[in-house]
């Protein structure tokens, strides 16, 4: 609030009899000017073991590969999830035996709230770090940001895909959409043009070769190999590059040869025609 002007305020009590104050604040934001610098796309692939992988797509190839890790978050969330699973079993057993499960139900409610708070705490830290990095990159490039939209990821995480029950359970509870939305709001507050921040569909980005567009294989979770052109690289990096390419295809000024058209394959160009 110290950076803006308070317009309205509202005080209320919620269902748990806690009091809250909500303020409407108007901020004056100075827009970022990237006139005179070369275009680039910062592509972001969100994940679990690695919170995110980012890579910069430029006219001279890709650079600035970064893996954003939050190992502590993963450990804390796993511990809380294991406790939740244990309590759920206990609750089911109590119900089976005809006993009162209210005590366990209350513990589950408290744990659920704690998990949400822990998750938000780490998400805010990730968003703050990535947004600071993006603003830093705007000093060097006429920057666009492409982030994967993980629609359908829960369906593809069904049995038979990815790495077993634990991974499927984690991905059902991971707040990818919240991170994406928080990052958009944070960038807007820092003066980044929100029209340059796009969420693109992520289907097939992890298994299609960014170089030739053919389907590859993943003999290990972190390794991608293209059986057509021979590309071999980190699977998260390959996914991020594909996410960046999808934004390039959406922006006419980027998809032509004067922009970043060198990133597009013949298949990509055929789609644009």
C-alpha atoms as a PDB file:
ATOM      1  CA  UNK A   1       0.000   0.000   0.000  1.00  0.00           C
ATOM      2  CA  UNK A   2       2.950   2.330   0.591  1.00  0.00           C
ATOM      3  CA  UNK A   3       3.569   2.457  -3.188  1.00  0.00           C
ATOM      4  CA  UNK A   4       0.036   3.484  -4.129  1.00  0.00           C
ATOM      5  CA  UNK A   5      -3.048   5.470  -3.144  1.00  0.00           C
ATOM      6  CA  UNK A   6      -5.720   3.798  -1.014  1.00  0.00           C
ATOM      7  CA  UNK A   7      -9.144   4.302  -2.612  1.00  0.00           C
ATOM      8  CA  UNK A   8     -11.503   2.118  -0.562  1.00  0.00           C
ATOM      9  CA  UNK A   9     -11.438  -0.135   2.501  1.00  0.00           C
ATOM     10  CA  UNK A  10     -13.781  -2.898   3.673  1.00  0.00           C
ATOM     11  CA  UNK A  11     -13.764  -4.779   6.987  1.00  0.00           C
ATOM     12  CA  UNK A  12     -15.614  -8.068   7.459  1.00  0.00           C
ATOM     13  CA  UNK A  13     -15.716 -11.256   9.545  1.00  0.00           C
ATOM     14  CA  UNK A  14     -15.474 -14.663   7.854  1.00  0.00           C
ATOM     15  CA  UNK A  15     -17.181 -17.970   8.695  1.00  0.00           C
ATOM     16  CA  UNK A  16     -14.446 -18.783  11.234  1.00  0.00           C
ATOM     17  CA  UNK A  17     -15.091 -15.484  13.032  1.00  0.00           C
ATOM     18  CA  UNK A  18     -11.810 -13.961  11.860  1.00  0.00           C
ATOM     19  CA  UNK A  19     -11.725 -10.288  10.962  1.00  0.00           C
ATOM     20  CA  UNK A  20     -10.290  -9.128   7.616  1.00  0.00           C
ATOM     21  CA  UNK A  21      -9.582  -5.752   6.013  1.00  0.00           C
ATOM     22  CA  UNK A  22      -9.560  -5.383   2.220  1.00  0.00           C
ATOM     23  CA  UNK A  23      -8.110  -2.254   0.619  1.00  0.00           C
ATOM     24  CA  UNK A  24      -8.369  -1.044  -2.975  1.00  0.00           C
ATOM     25  CA  UNK A  25      -5.098   0.623  -3.968  1.00  0.00           C
ATOM     26  CA  UNK A  26      -4.311   2.519  -7.177  1.00  0.00           C
ATOM     27  CA  UNK A  27      -0.722   2.205  -8.419  1.00  0.00           C
ATOM     28  CA  UNK A  28       1.068   4.401 -10.937  1.00  0.00           C
ATOM     29  CA  UNK A  29       3.173   2.091 -13.115  1.00  0.00           C
ATOM     30  CA  UNK A  30       5.894   3.175 -15.517  1.00  0.00           C
ATOM     31  CA  UNK A  31       5.853   0.985 -18.622  1.00  0.00           C
ATOM     32  CA  UNK A  32       9.076  -0.678 -19.784  1.00  0.00           C
ATOM     33  CA  UNK A  33      10.480   0.684 -23.062  1.00  0.00           C
ATOM     34  CA  UNK A  34      12.442  -1.860 -25.144  1.00  0.00           C
ATOM     35  CA  UNK A  35      12.828   0.278 -28.267  1.00  0.00           C
ATOM     36  CA  UNK A  36      15.985  -0.357 -30.263  1.00  0.00           C
ATOM     37  CA  UNK A  37      16.940  -3.800 -28.928  1.00  0.00           C
ATOM     38  CA  UNK A  38      16.658  -7.199 -30.615  1.00  0.00           C
ATOM     39  CA  UNK A  39      13.624  -9.441 -30.025  1.00  0.00           C
ATOM     40  CA  UNK A  40      13.781 -12.508 -27.799  1.00  0.00           C
ATOM     41  CA  UNK A  41      11.379 -14.941 -26.157  1.00  0.00           C
ATOM     42  CA  UNK A  42      11.865 -16.177 -22.617  1.00  0.00           C
ATOM     43  CA  UNK A  43      10.185 -19.589 -22.450  1.00  0.00           C
ATOM     44  CA  UNK A  44       9.165 -21.105 -19.107  1.00  0.00           C
ATOM     45  CA  UNK A  45       8.317 -24.759 -18.502  1.00  0.00           C
ATOM     46  CA  UNK A  46       6.810 -25.356 -15.043  1.00  0.00           C
ATOM     47  CA  UNK A  47       7.470 -28.625 -13.250  1.00  0.00           C
ATOM     48  CA  UNK A  48       7.657 -30.428  -9.918  1.00  0.00           C
ATOM     49  CA  UNK A  49      11.165 -31.792  -9.353  1.00  0.00           C
ATOM     50  CA  UNK A  50      12.395 -28.578 -10.967  1.00  0.00           C
ATOM     51  CA  UNK A  51      10.017 -25.727 -10.189  1.00  0.00           C
ATOM     52  CA  UNK A  52      10.702 -24.286 -13.636  1.00  0.00           C
ATOM     53  CA  UNK A  53      13.080 -24.403 -16.577  1.00  0.00           C
ATOM     54  CA  UNK A  54      13.591 -21.176 -18.525  1.00  0.00           C
ATOM     55  CA  UNK A  55      15.507 -20.498 -21.731  1.00  0.00           C
ATOM     56  CA  UNK A  56      15.957 -17.439 -23.931  1.00  0.00           C
ATOM     57  CA  UNK A  57      15.274 -17.837 -27.666  1.00  0.00           C
ATOM     58  CA  UNK A  58      17.188 -15.230 -29.696  1.00  0.00           C
ATOM     59  CA  UNK A  59      18.289 -14.674 -33.291  1.00  0.00           C
ATOM     60  CA  UNK A  60      21.626 -16.253 -32.395  1.00  0.00           C
ATOM     61  CA  UNK A  61      20.216 -19.428 -30.875  1.00  0.00           C
ATOM     62  CA  UNK A  62      19.169 -20.256 -27.359  1.00  0.00           C
ATOM     63  CA  UNK A  63      20.968 -19.078 -24.229  1.00  0.00           C
ATOM     64  CA  UNK A  64      20.465 -18.261 -20.557  1.00  0.00           C
ATOM     65  CA  UNK A  65      19.275 -21.766 -19.610  1.00  0.00           C
ATOM     66  CA  UNK A  66      18.142 -21.769 -15.987  1.00  0.00           C
ATOM     67  CA  UNK A  67      16.666 -24.438 -13.743  1.00  0.00           C
ATOM     68  CA  UNK A  68      14.663 -22.986 -10.876  1.00  0.00           C
ATOM     69  CA  UNK A  69      14.751 -25.500  -8.026  1.00  0.00           C
ATOM     70  CA  UNK A  70      12.801 -25.570  -4.773  1.00  0.00           C
ATOM     71  CA  UNK A  71      13.969 -28.791  -3.135  1.00  0.00           C
ATOM     72  CA  UNK A  72      12.757 -27.669   0.296  1.00  0.00           C
ATOM     73  CA  UNK A  73       9.233 -27.138  -1.030  1.00  0.00           C
ATOM     74  CA  UNK A  74       9.172 -30.614  -2.535  1.00  0.00           C
ATOM     75  CA  UNK A  75      10.289 -32.199   0.758  1.00  0.00           C
ATOM     76  CA  UNK A  76       7.820 -30.250   2.878  1.00  0.00           C
ATOM     77  CA  UNK A  77       4.888 -30.918   0.551  1.00  0.00           C
ATOM     78  CA  UNK A  78       5.730 -34.638   0.364  1.00  0.00           C
ATOM     79  CA  UNK A  79       5.859 -34.837   4.163  1.00  0.00           C
ATOM     80  CA  UNK A  80       2.481 -33.116   4.478  1.00  0.00           C
ATOM     81  CA  UNK A  81       0.939 -35.289   1.744  1.00  0.00           C
ATOM     82  CA  UNK A  82       2.160 -38.450   3.481  1.00  0.00           C
ATOM     83  CA  UNK A  83       0.586 -37.258   6.729  1.00  0.00           C
ATOM     84  CA  UNK A  84      -2.696 -36.487   4.919  1.00  0.00           C
ATOM     85  CA  UNK A  85      -2.719 -39.960   3.351  1.00  0.00           C
ATOM     86  CA  UNK A  86      -2.128 -41.555   6.751  1.00  0.00           C
ATOM     87  CA  UNK A  87      -4.966 -39.582   8.347  1.00  0.00           C
ATOM     88  CA  UNK A  88      -7.323 -40.398   5.477  1.00  0.00           C
ATOM     89  CA  UNK A  89      -6.684 -44.109   6.061  1.00  0.00           C
ATOM     90  CA  UNK A  90      -7.281 -43.619   9.778  1.00  0.00           C
ATOM     91  CA  UNK A  91     -10.556 -41.800   9.073  1.00  0.00           C
ATOM     92  CA  UNK A  92     -11.730 -44.585   6.757  1.00  0.00           C
ATOM     93  CA  UNK A  93     -10.884 -47.169   9.409  1.00  0.00           C
ATOM     94  CA  UNK A  94     -12.813 -45.248  12.065  1.00  0.00           C
ATOM     95  CA  UNK A  95     -15.826 -45.032   9.760  1.00  0.00           C
ATOM     96  CA  UNK A  96     -15.601 -48.770   9.059  1.00  0.00           C
ATOM     97  CA  UNK A  97     -15.540 -49.476  12.799  1.00  0.00           C
ATOM     98  CA  UNK A  98     -18.472 -47.134  13.415  1.00  0.00           C
ATOM     99  CA  UNK A  99     -16.338 -44.728  15.488  1.00  0.00           C
ATOM    100  CA  UNK A 100     -16.479 -40.916  15.488  1.00  0.00           C
ATOM    101  CA  UNK A 101     -13.972 -39.483  12.948  1.00  0.00           C
ATOM    102  CA  UNK A 102     -14.380 -35.807  13.962  1.00  0.00           C
ATOM    103  CA  UNK A 103     -10.930 -35.557  15.568  1.00  0.00           C
ATOM    104  CA  UNK A 104      -9.218 -36.861  12.430  1.00  0.00           C
ATOM    105  CA  UNK A 105     -11.425 -34.691  10.210  1.00  0.00           C
ATOM    106  CA  UNK A 106     -10.273 -31.601  12.123  1.00  0.00           C
ATOM    107  CA  UNK A 107      -6.630 -32.666  11.763  1.00  0.00           C
ATOM    108  CA  UNK A 108      -7.102 -33.143   8.021  1.00  0.00           C
ATOM    109  CA  UNK A 109      -8.655 -29.684   7.708  1.00  0.00           C
ATOM    110  CA  UNK A 110      -5.735 -28.107   9.571  1.00  0.00           C
ATOM    111  CA  UNK A 111      -3.178 -30.003   7.478  1.00  0.00           C
ATOM    112  CA  UNK A 112      -4.901 -28.985   4.268  1.00  0.00           C
ATOM    113  CA  UNK A 113      -4.673 -25.342   5.291  1.00  0.00           C
ATOM    114  CA  UNK A 114      -1.024 -25.723   6.251  1.00  0.00           C
ATOM    115  CA  UNK A 115      -0.185 -27.358   2.920  1.00  0.00           C
ATOM    116  CA  UNK A 116      -1.863 -24.488   1.069  1.00  0.00           C
ATOM    117  CA  UNK A 117       0.084 -21.898   3.077  1.00  0.00           C
ATOM    118  CA  UNK A 118       3.403 -23.672   2.487  1.00  0.00           C
ATOM    119  CA  UNK A 119       2.697 -24.008  -1.217  1.00  0.00           C
ATOM    120  CA  UNK A 120       1.748 -20.325  -1.581  1.00  0.00           C
ATOM    121  CA  UNK A 121       4.843 -19.253   0.345  1.00  0.00           C
ATOM    122  CA  UNK A 122       7.146 -21.031  -2.111  1.00  0.00           C
ATOM    123  CA  UNK A 123       5.090 -19.997  -5.148  1.00  0.00           C
ATOM    124  CA  UNK A 124       5.437 -16.329  -4.178  1.00  0.00           C
ATOM    125  CA  UNK A 125       9.209 -16.758  -3.843  1.00  0.00           C
ATOM    126  CA  UNK A 126       9.440 -18.423  -7.267  1.00  0.00           C
ATOM    127  CA  UNK A 127       7.312 -15.714  -8.899  1.00  0.00           C
ATOM    128  CA  UNK A 128       9.395 -12.966  -7.294  1.00  0.00           C
ATOM    129  CA  UNK A 129      12.667 -14.511  -8.488  1.00  0.00           C
ATOM    130  CA  UNK A 130      11.456 -15.157 -12.043  1.00  0.00           C
ATOM    131  CA  UNK A 131       9.843 -11.720 -12.410  1.00  0.00           C
ATOM    132  CA  UNK A 132      13.045  -9.996 -11.259  1.00  0.00           C
ATOM    133  CA  UNK A 133      14.967 -12.027 -13.835  1.00  0.00           C
ATOM    134  CA  UNK A 134      12.482 -11.113 -16.583  1.00  0.00           C
ATOM    135  CA  UNK A 135      12.775  -7.389 -15.831  1.00  0.00           C
ATOM    136  CA  UNK A 136      16.557  -7.761 -15.955  1.00  0.00           C
ATOM    137  CA  UNK A 137      16.274  -9.358 -19.424  1.00  0.00           C
ATOM    138  CA  UNK A 138      14.110  -6.473 -20.706  1.00  0.00           C
ATOM    139  CA  UNK A 139      17.167  -4.235 -20.445  1.00  0.00           C
ATOM    140  CA  UNK A 140      18.881  -6.356 -23.098  1.00  0.00           C
ATOM    141  CA  UNK A 141      16.040  -7.572 -25.348  1.00  0.00           C
ATOM    142  CA  UNK A 142      12.671  -6.641 -26.805  1.00  0.00           C
ATOM    143  CA  UNK A 143      11.229  -9.398 -24.656  1.00  0.00           C
ATOM    144  CA  UNK A 144       8.208 -11.669 -24.864  1.00  0.00           C
ATOM    145  CA  UNK A 145       7.471 -14.303 -22.213  1.00  0.00           C
ATOM    146  CA  UNK A 146       5.926 -17.677 -23.045  1.00  0.00           C
ATOM    147  CA  UNK A 147       4.759 -19.990 -20.267  1.00  0.00           C
ATOM    148  CA  UNK A 148       3.245 -23.435 -20.592  1.00  0.00           C
ATOM    149  CA  UNK A 149      -0.476 -23.794 -19.947  1.00  0.00           C
ATOM    150  CA  UNK A 150      -0.789 -27.206 -18.359  1.00  0.00           C
ATOM    151  CA  UNK A 151      -4.376 -27.907 -19.412  1.00  0.00           C
ATOM    152  CA  UNK A 152      -4.950 -31.641 -19.521  1.00  0.00           C
ATOM    153  CA  UNK A 153      -1.798 -32.525 -17.576  1.00  0.00           C
ATOM    154  CA  UNK A 154      -3.903 -34.316 -14.971  1.00  0.00           C
ATOM    155  CA  UNK A 155      -5.388 -36.542 -17.666  1.00  0.00           C
ATOM    156  CA  UNK A 156      -1.981 -37.385 -19.111  1.00  0.00           C
ATOM    157  CA  UNK A 157      -0.786 -38.228 -15.609  1.00  0.00           C
ATOM    158  CA  UNK A 158      -3.163 -41.173 -15.428  1.00  0.00           C
ATOM    159  CA  UNK A 159      -1.910 -44.679 -14.686  1.00  0.00           C
ATOM    160  CA  UNK A 160       0.567 -45.809 -17.314  1.00  0.00           C
ATOM    161  CA  UNK A 161       2.133 -42.387 -17.837  1.00  0.00           C
ATOM    162  CA  UNK A 162       4.897 -40.537 -15.990  1.00  0.00           C
ATOM    163  CA  UNK A 163       6.374 -42.041 -12.840  1.00  0.00           C
ATOM    164  CA  UNK A 164       3.844 -43.856 -10.744  1.00  0.00           C
ATOM    165  CA  UNK A 165       1.244 -43.153  -8.071  1.00  0.00           C
ATOM    166  CA  UNK A 166       3.286 -40.631  -6.058  1.00  0.00           C
ATOM    167  CA  UNK A 167       3.908 -38.419  -9.098  1.00  0.00           C
ATOM    168  CA  UNK A 168       0.261 -38.608 -10.176  1.00  0.00           C
ATOM    169  CA  UNK A 169      -0.831 -37.597  -6.683  1.00  0.00           C
ATOM    170  CA  UNK A 170       1.593 -34.647  -6.627  1.00  0.00           C
ATOM    171  CA  UNK A 171       0.585 -33.329 -10.032  1.00  0.00           C
ATOM    172  CA  UNK A 172      -3.102 -33.359  -9.077  1.00  0.00           C
ATOM    173  CA  UNK A 173      -2.309 -31.010  -6.184  1.00  0.00           C
ATOM    174  CA  UNK A 174       0.347 -28.755  -7.757  1.00  0.00           C
ATOM    175  CA  UNK A 175      -0.862 -25.185  -8.351  1.00  0.00           C
ATOM    176  CA  UNK A 176       0.578 -24.552 -11.834  1.00  0.00           C
ATOM    177  CA  UNK A 177      -2.260 -22.187 -12.788  1.00  0.00           C
ATOM    178  CA  UNK A 178      -1.746 -20.136  -9.632  1.00  0.00           C
ATOM    179  CA  UNK A 179       1.957 -19.669 -10.403  1.00  0.00           C
ATOM    180  CA  UNK A 180       1.144 -18.630 -13.953  1.00  0.00           C
ATOM    181  CA  UNK A 181      -1.482 -16.109 -12.835  1.00  0.00           C
ATOM    182  CA  UNK A 182       0.671 -14.730 -10.011  1.00  0.00           C
ATOM    183  CA  UNK A 183       3.548 -14.193 -12.427  1.00  0.00           C
ATOM    184  CA  UNK A 184       1.288 -12.302 -14.828  1.00  0.00           C
ATOM    185  CA  UNK A 185       0.056  -9.995 -12.042  1.00  0.00           C
ATOM    186  CA  UNK A 186       3.579  -9.433 -10.732  1.00  0.00           C
ATOM    187  CA  UNK A 187       4.944  -8.544 -14.181  1.00  0.00           C
ATOM    188  CA  UNK A 188       2.069  -6.113 -14.760  1.00  0.00           C
ATOM    189  CA  UNK A 189       2.848  -4.380 -11.455  1.00  0.00           C
ATOM    190  CA  UNK A 190       6.476  -3.983 -12.589  1.00  0.00           C
ATOM    191  CA  UNK A 191       5.505  -2.326 -15.869  1.00  0.00           C
ATOM    192  CA  UNK A 192       5.846  -5.304 -18.211  1.00  0.00           C
ATOM    193  CA  UNK A 193       3.295  -5.226 -21.044  1.00  0.00           C
ATOM    194  CA  UNK A 194       0.856  -8.062 -20.281  1.00  0.00           C
ATOM    195  CA  UNK A 195       0.213  -8.510 -24.023  1.00  0.00           C
ATOM    196  CA  UNK A 196       3.777  -9.832 -24.201  1.00  0.00           C
ATOM    197  CA  UNK A 197       3.103 -12.487 -21.558  1.00  0.00           C
ATOM    198  CA  UNK A 198       1.314 -15.462 -23.107  1.00  0.00           C
ATOM    199  CA  UNK A 199       0.296 -18.870 -21.805  1.00  0.00           C
ATOM    200  CA  UNK A 200       0.515 -21.417 -24.619  1.00  0.00           C
ATOM    201  CA  UNK A 201      -0.840 -25.000 -24.734  1.00  0.00           C
ATOM    202  CA  UNK A 202       1.756 -27.446 -23.487  1.00  0.00           C
ATOM    203  CA  UNK A 203       0.473 -30.653 -25.078  1.00  0.00           C
ATOM    204  CA  UNK A 204       3.254 -32.659 -26.754  1.00  0.00           C
ATOM    205  CA  UNK A 205       5.961 -30.110 -25.935  1.00  0.00           C
ATOM    206  CA  UNK A 206       7.802 -32.627 -23.768  1.00  0.00           C
ATOM    207  CA  UNK A 207       7.950 -35.373 -26.414  1.00  0.00           C
ATOM    208  CA  UNK A 208       8.308 -33.443 -29.711  1.00  0.00           C
ATOM    209  CA  UNK A 209      11.763 -32.438 -30.943  1.00  0.00           C
ATOM    210  CA  UNK A 210      12.186 -28.654 -30.940  1.00  0.00           C
ATOM    211  CA  UNK A 211      14.640 -28.940 -33.826  1.00  0.00           C
ATOM    212  CA  UNK A 212      12.783 -31.035 -36.416  1.00  0.00           C
ATOM    213  CA  UNK A 213       9.268 -31.363 -34.974  1.00  0.00           C
ATOM    214  CA  UNK A 214       9.218 -35.177 -34.889  1.00  0.00           C
ATOM    215  CA  UNK A 215       8.275 -37.318 -31.920  1.00  0.00           C
ATOM    216  CA  UNK A 216      11.180 -38.487 -29.797  1.00  0.00           C
ATOM    217  CA  UNK A 217      11.700 -40.722 -26.789  1.00  0.00           C
ATOM    218  CA  UNK A 218      12.472 -40.171 -23.107  1.00  0.00           C
ATOM    219  CA  UNK A 219      14.524 -43.119 -21.855  1.00  0.00           C
ATOM    220  CA  UNK A 220      14.887 -41.233 -18.573  1.00  0.00           C
ATOM    221  CA  UNK A 221      12.680 -38.548 -17.029  1.00  0.00           C
ATOM    222  CA  UNK A 222      15.245 -35.796 -17.621  1.00  0.00           C
ATOM    223  CA  UNK A 223      16.517 -36.922 -21.048  1.00  0.00           C
ATOM    224  CA  UNK A 224      14.997 -36.343 -24.494  1.00  0.00           C
ATOM    225  CA  UNK A 225      16.314 -38.073 -27.629  1.00  0.00           C
ATOM    226  CA  UNK A 226      15.028 -37.452 -31.145  1.00  0.00           C
ATOM    227  CA  UNK A 227      15.199 -40.666 -33.166  1.00  0.00           C
ATOM    228  CA  UNK A 228      14.813 -38.651 -36.395  1.00  0.00           C
ATOM    229  CA  UNK A 229      17.490 -35.933 -36.264  1.00  0.00           C
ATOM    230  CA  UNK A 230      19.572 -37.224 -33.354  1.00  0.00           C
ATOM    231  CA  UNK A 231      19.028 -34.297 -30.978  1.00  0.00           C
ATOM    232  CA  UNK A 232      19.839 -35.234 -27.383  1.00  0.00           C
ATOM    233  CA  UNK A 233      19.219 -32.777 -24.545  1.00  0.00           C
ATOM    234  CA  UNK A 234      17.554 -32.213 -21.198  1.00  0.00           C
ATOM    235  CA  UNK A 235      13.830 -32.986 -21.484  1.00  0.00           C
ATOM    236  CA  UNK A 236      12.762 -29.852 -19.578  1.00  0.00           C
ATOM    237  CA  UNK A 237      14.915 -27.712 -21.865  1.00  0.00           C
ATOM    238  CA  UNK A 238      13.387 -29.324 -24.954  1.00  0.00           C
ATOM    239  CA  UNK A 239       9.916 -28.649 -23.540  1.00  0.00           C
ATOM    240  CA  UNK A 240      10.756 -25.011 -22.794  1.00  0.00           C
ATOM    241  CA  UNK A 241      12.108 -24.494 -26.322  1.00  0.00           C
ATOM    242  CA  UNK A 242       8.869 -25.850 -27.785  1.00  0.00           C
ATOM    243  CA  UNK A 243       6.876 -23.530 -25.511  1.00  0.00           C
ATOM    244  CA  UNK A 244       8.905 -20.596 -26.808  1.00  0.00           C
ATOM    245  CA  UNK A 245       8.356 -21.655 -30.416  1.00  0.00           C
ATOM    246  CA  UNK A 246       4.593 -21.751 -29.898  1.00  0.00           C
ATOM    247  CA  UNK A 247       4.598 -18.106 -28.867  1.00  0.00           C
ATOM    248  CA  UNK A 248       6.715 -17.187 -31.909  1.00  0.00           C
ATOM    249  CA  UNK A 249       4.065 -18.794 -34.119  1.00  0.00           C
ATOM    250  CA  UNK A 250       1.366 -16.622 -32.517  1.00  0.00           C
ATOM    251  CA  UNK A 251       3.102 -13.257 -33.074  1.00  0.00           C
ATOM    252  CA  UNK A 252       3.427 -12.253 -36.770  1.00  0.00           C
ATOM    253  CA  UNK A 253       6.297  -9.838 -36.094  1.00  0.00           C
ATOM    254  CA  UNK A 254       8.250 -12.688 -34.484  1.00  0.00           C
ATOM    255  CA  UNK A 255       7.404 -15.492 -36.902  1.00  0.00           C
ATOM    256  CA  UNK A 256       8.819 -13.759 -39.998  1.00  0.00           C
ATOM    257  CA  UNK A 257      12.486 -13.900 -40.997  1.00  0.00           C
ATOM    258  CA  UNK A 258      13.156 -10.440 -39.555  1.00  0.00           C
ATOM    259  CA  UNK A 259      12.021 -11.590 -36.143  1.00  0.00           C
ATOM    260  CA  UNK A 260      12.655 -15.078 -34.774  1.00  0.00           C
ATOM    261  CA  UNK A 261      11.412 -17.080 -37.758  1.00  0.00           C
ATOM    262  CA  UNK A 262      14.643 -19.069 -37.839  1.00  0.00           C
ATOM    263  CA  UNK A 263      13.223 -21.097 -34.940  1.00  0.00           C
ATOM    264  CA  UNK A 264      10.335 -22.482 -36.996  1.00  0.00           C
ATOM    265  CA  UNK A 265      10.496 -25.804 -38.826  1.00  0.00           C
ATOM    266  CA  UNK A 266       8.918 -26.465 -42.222  1.00  0.00           C
ATOM    267  CA  UNK A 267       6.015 -28.086 -40.341  1.00  0.00           C
ATOM    268  CA  UNK A 268       5.547 -24.929 -38.289  1.00  0.00           C
ATOM    269  CA  UNK A 269       5.568 -22.735 -41.395  1.00  0.00           C
ATOM    270  CA  UNK A 270       3.009 -24.970 -43.087  1.00  0.00           C
ATOM    271  CA  UNK A 271       0.664 -24.436 -40.133  1.00  0.00           C
ATOM    272  CA  UNK A 272       1.041 -20.655 -40.436  1.00  0.00           C
ATOM    273  CA  UNK A 273       0.087 -20.616 -44.135  1.00  0.00           C
END
